[in-house]
Amino acid sequence: MSHKNHIMKAFKTAYKGPPDLNKLLSVAVGLFILTLSFAKNAMAQEKNQMIRLAKIEVDPSQLEKYNAVLKEQMTTAVRMEPGVLTYYAVADKNDPSNITILEIYADSAAYKSHIETPHFKKYKETVKDMVKSLKLIDVTLIGSAKKPGM
């Protein structure tokens, strides 16, 4: 018998209220257990995530073309690869040719798979003469906060 079933059986045995209330409480306890299970899985998945910052210096004369190619690669990767979770690309306001990308992958295997895809290889080939420097920094998530629904 599963852990959930043991809890539900013990709860039903201990509480002898009206039958409708028993059903309602059983559903509530079941939903609570299910919610805890999802939260535990989400936390485990978050611990396995690979998070990286890519710091890129682009040739200013090719910046507009680079940005278009970057956006295409990011959009394609998120759409086609389940393990590519998030990309945020930002440019320095004082020097837009300095770009930082926050990349979040489900795990390191997802990243390794990503860099072998045709669309990523196309991106690398297209931008090879646009990028003056590239620095990859693996980071650990300390915390995050966002508004609900975002």
Foldseek 3Di string as FASTA:
>chain_A
DDPLVVVLVVVCVVDDDDPVVNVVVSVVSVVVVVVVVVVVVVVVQLVQKWKKKKKWQWDVVCLVVLVVLVVVLLVCCCVPQVFWPDWDKDADPVHRRTIMIITIGSHVVSVVVSCPDPSNVVSCVVCVVGTPDIDMDTDRDPDDDDDPPD
